[in-house]
């Protein structure tokens, strides 16, 4: 009885090993190299302030040109 149990266990291990490699061995997956970019140091002005000044300059330029056209 001990011999049949051993043979049955060996057969189960052999079948599971064959089933695991049935499709062939997979190609190794190469992980991409991730490079972490550190952000540039912030300037003395915030981008919102620069945008606000740019819009104000456009409005000032458009109001001055429309005033000179109407005169």
N, C-alpha and C. Protein backbone atom coordinates (compact mmCIF):
# COMPACT_ATOMS: atom_id res chain seq x y z
N UNK A 1 0.83 -1.19 0.00
CA UNK A 1 0.00 0.00 0.00
C UNK A 1 0.88 1.25 0.00
N UNK A 2 1.98 1.20 0.68
CA UNK A 2 2.86 2.37 0.73
C UNK A 2 3.48 2.63 -0.64
N UNK A 3 3.75 1.62 -1.40
CA UNK A 3 4.33 1.77 -2.72
C UNK A 3 3.33 2.41 -3.67
N UNK A 4 2.08 2.03 -3.60
CA UNK A 4 1.07 2.63 -4.50
C UNK A 4 0.83 4.10 -4.15
N UNK A 5 0.88 4.42 -2.88
CA UNK A 5 0.71 5.82 -2.47
C UNK A 5 1.88 6.66 -2.98
N UNK A 6 3.06 6.11 -2.90
CA UNK A 6 4.24 6.82 -3.38
C UNK A 6 4.19 6.99 -4.89
N UNK A 7 3.77 5.94 -5.60
CA UNK A 7 3.65 6.04 -7.06
C UNK A 7 2.56 7.03 -7.48
N UNK A 8 1.46 7.03 -6.74
CA UNK A 8 0.37 7.96 -7.05
C UNK A 8 0.82 9.40 -6.82
N UNK A 9 1.56 9.64 -5.75
CA UNK A 9 2.06 10.99 -5.47
C UNK A 9 3.08 11.41 -6.53
N UNK A 10 3.95 10.49 -6.95
CA UNK A 10 4.94 10.81 -7.98
C UNK A 10 4.26 11.09 -9.30
N UNK A 11 3.21 10.34 -9.63
CA UNK A 11 2.47 10.58 -10.87
C UNK A 11 1.77 11.94 -10.84
N UNK A 12 1.20 12.29 -9.70
CA UNK A 12 0.52 13.58 -9.58
C UNK A 12 1.50 14.73 -9.72
N UNK A 13 2.67 14.59 -9.15
CA UNK A 13 3.69 15.64 -9.26
C UNK A 13 4.18 15.74 -10.70
N UNK A 14 4.35 14.61 -11.36
CA UNK A 14 4.82 14.62 -12.76
C UNK A 14 3.78 15.25 -13.67
N UNK A 15 2.51 14.91 -13.48
CA UNK A 15 1.44 15.48 -14.31
C UNK A 15 1.33 16.98 -14.09
N UNK A 16 1.42 17.43 -12.85
CA UNK A 16 1.31 18.86 -12.59
C UNK A 16 2.51 19.61 -13.16
N UNK A 17 3.67 18.99 -13.14
CA UNK A 17 4.86 19.62 -13.72
C UNK A 17 4.75 19.74 -15.22
N UNK A 18 4.21 18.71 -15.88
CA UNK A 18 4.03 18.76 -17.33
C UNK A 18 2.94 19.78 -17.69
N UNK A 19 1.87 19.83 -16.91
CA UNK A 19 0.78 20.76 -17.19
C UNK A 19 1.23 22.21 -16.99
N UNK A 20 2.13 22.43 -16.06
CA UNK A 20 2.62 23.79 -15.82
C UNK A 20 3.44 24.31 -16.99
N UNK A 21 4.14 23.42 -17.69
CA UNK A 21 4.98 23.83 -18.82
C UNK A 21 4.37 23.45 -20.15
N UNK A 22 3.05 23.23 -20.20
CA UNK A 22 2.40 22.75 -21.41
C UNK A 22 2.53 23.76 -22.56
N UNK A 23 2.46 25.02 -22.29
CA UNK A 23 2.55 26.03 -23.34
C UNK A 23 3.97 26.47 -23.61
N UNK A 24 4.91 25.89 -22.95
CA UNK A 24 6.30 26.31 -23.09
C UNK A 24 6.65 27.32 -22.02
N UNK A 25 7.91 27.57 -21.91
CA UNK A 25 8.35 28.52 -20.90
C UNK A 25 8.14 29.94 -21.41
N UNK A 26 7.70 30.80 -20.57
CA UNK A 26 7.45 32.19 -20.95
C UNK A 26 8.77 32.94 -21.10
N UNK A 27 8.73 33.93 -21.96
CA UNK A 27 9.92 34.77 -22.12
C UNK A 27 10.03 35.68 -20.90
N UNK A 28 11.22 35.95 -20.46
CA UNK A 28 11.36 36.82 -19.28
C UNK A 28 10.89 38.24 -19.60
N UNK A 29 10.20 38.81 -18.67
CA UNK A 29 9.67 40.16 -18.82
C UNK A 29 10.73 41.15 -18.36
N UNK A 30 11.07 42.06 -19.24
CA UNK A 30 12.05 43.09 -18.87
C UNK A 30 11.30 44.30 -18.31
N UNK A 31 11.67 44.70 -17.14
CA UNK A 31 11.02 45.85 -16.53
C UNK A 31 11.66 47.12 -17.07
N UNK A 32 10.85 48.10 -17.43
CA UNK A 32 11.43 49.35 -17.94
C UNK A 32 12.12 50.13 -16.84
N UNK A 33 13.11 50.87 -17.22
CA UNK A 33 13.83 51.71 -16.27
C UNK A 33 13.05 53.01 -16.09
N UNK A 34 12.65 53.29 -14.88
CA UNK A 34 11.87 54.49 -14.59
C UNK A 34 12.82 55.53 -14.01
N UNK A 35 12.85 56.66 -14.68
CA UNK A 35 13.71 57.74 -14.21
C UNK A 35 12.84 58.82 -13.59
N UNK A 36 13.09 59.14 -12.36
CA UNK A 36 12.29 60.13 -11.65
C UNK A 36 12.91 61.50 -11.91
N UNK A 37 12.09 62.37 -12.48
CA UNK A 37 12.55 63.73 -12.76
C UNK A 37 12.18 64.63 -11.58
N UNK A 38 13.15 65.32 -11.06
CA UNK A 38 12.86 66.25 -9.98
C UNK A 38 12.40 67.56 -10.60
N UNK A 39 11.37 68.16 -10.04
CA UNK A 39 10.87 69.41 -10.61
C UNK A 39 11.88 70.54 -10.43
N UNK A 40 11.84 71.46 -11.37
CA UNK A 40 12.73 72.62 -11.28
C UNK A 40 12.32 73.47 -10.09
N UNK A 41 13.24 74.14 -9.49
CA UNK A 41 12.88 74.98 -8.35
C UNK A 41 11.96 76.11 -8.79
N UNK A 42 11.02 76.40 -7.95
CA UNK A 42 10.03 77.43 -8.27
C UNK A 42 10.69 78.80 -8.30
N UNK A 43 10.23 79.62 -9.24
CA UNK A 43 10.76 80.97 -9.35
C UNK A 43 10.17 81.87 -8.27
N UNK A 44 10.51 83.14 -8.32
CA UNK A 44 10.01 84.06 -7.32
C UNK A 44 8.57 84.46 -7.60
N UNK A 45 8.11 84.31 -8.87
CA UNK A 45 6.73 84.66 -9.21
C UNK A 45 5.94 83.38 -9.47
N UNK A 46 4.69 83.39 -9.08
CA UNK A 46 3.86 82.23 -9.38
C UNK A 46 3.30 82.38 -10.80
N UNK A 47 2.96 81.28 -11.41
CA UNK A 47 2.46 81.33 -12.79
C UNK A 47 1.11 82.03 -12.85
N UNK A 48 0.31 81.95 -11.81
CA UNK A 48 -0.98 82.65 -11.79
C UNK A 48 -0.82 84.15 -11.81
N UNK A 49 0.19 84.63 -11.13
CA UNK A 49 0.44 86.07 -11.10
C UNK A 49 0.91 86.56 -12.47
N UNK A 50 1.74 85.78 -13.13
CA UNK A 50 2.21 86.15 -14.47
C UNK A 50 1.05 86.14 -15.45
N UNK A 51 0.18 85.15 -15.35
CA UNK A 51 -0.99 85.08 -16.23
C UNK A 51 -1.92 86.27 -15.99
N UNK A 52 -2.12 86.64 -14.76
CA UNK A 52 -2.97 87.79 -14.43
C UNK A 52 -2.38 89.08 -15.00
N UNK A 53 -1.06 89.24 -14.90
CA UNK A 53 -0.41 90.43 -15.46
C UNK A 53 -0.51 90.44 -16.98
N UNK A 54 -0.39 89.28 -17.61
CA UNK A 54 -0.51 89.19 -19.07
C UNK A 54 -1.91 89.57 -19.53
N UNK A 55 -2.93 89.10 -18.85
CA UNK A 55 -4.32 89.44 -19.21
C UNK A 55 -4.57 90.93 -18.99
N UNK A 56 -4.02 91.47 -17.91
CA UNK A 56 -4.19 92.91 -17.65
C UNK A 56 -3.50 93.73 -18.73
N UNK A 57 -2.35 93.29 -19.20
CA UNK A 57 -1.64 94.02 -20.26
C UNK A 57 -2.41 93.96 -21.57
N UNK A 58 -3.01 92.81 -21.88
CA UNK A 58 -3.81 92.70 -23.10
C UNK A 58 -5.05 93.60 -23.01
N UNK A 59 -5.70 93.62 -21.86
CA UNK A 59 -6.88 94.48 -21.70
C UNK A 59 -6.49 95.96 -21.79
N UNK A 60 -5.37 96.32 -21.22
CA UNK A 60 -4.93 97.71 -21.28
C UNK A 60 -4.58 98.09 -22.71
N UNK A 61 -3.95 97.19 -23.44
CA UNK A 61 -3.59 97.48 -24.83
C UNK A 61 -4.84 97.56 -25.70
N UNK A 62 -5.80 96.71 -25.46
CA UNK A 62 -7.01 96.74 -26.29
C UNK A 62 -7.86 97.96 -25.98
N UNK A 63 -7.89 98.41 -24.74
CA UNK A 63 -8.69 99.60 -24.41
C UNK A 63 -8.02 100.86 -24.94
N UNK A 64 -6.69 100.89 -24.98
CA UNK A 64 -6.03 102.07 -25.50
C UNK A 64 -6.14 102.15 -27.02
N UNK A 65 -6.15 101.04 -27.70
CA UNK A 65 -6.28 101.07 -29.16
C UNK A 65 -7.72 101.40 -29.56
N UNK A 66 -8.68 100.93 -28.79
CA UNK A 66 -10.07 101.25 -29.13
C UNK A 66 -10.37 102.72 -28.82
N UNK A 67 -9.70 103.30 -27.83
CA UNK A 67 -9.91 104.72 -27.51
C UNK A 67 -9.27 105.59 -28.59
N UNK A 68 -8.14 105.17 -29.13
CA UNK A 68 -7.51 105.99 -30.18
C UNK A 68 -8.25 105.84 -31.51
N UNK A 69 -8.93 104.75 -31.73
CA UNK A 69 -9.70 104.58 -32.96
C UNK A 69 -10.95 105.42 -32.92
N UNK A 70 -11.59 105.56 -31.78
CA UNK A 70 -12.83 106.31 -31.68
C UNK A 70 -12.58 107.81 -31.70
N UNK A 71 -11.39 108.28 -31.42
CA UNK A 71 -11.10 109.71 -31.42
C UNK A 71 -10.84 110.25 -32.78
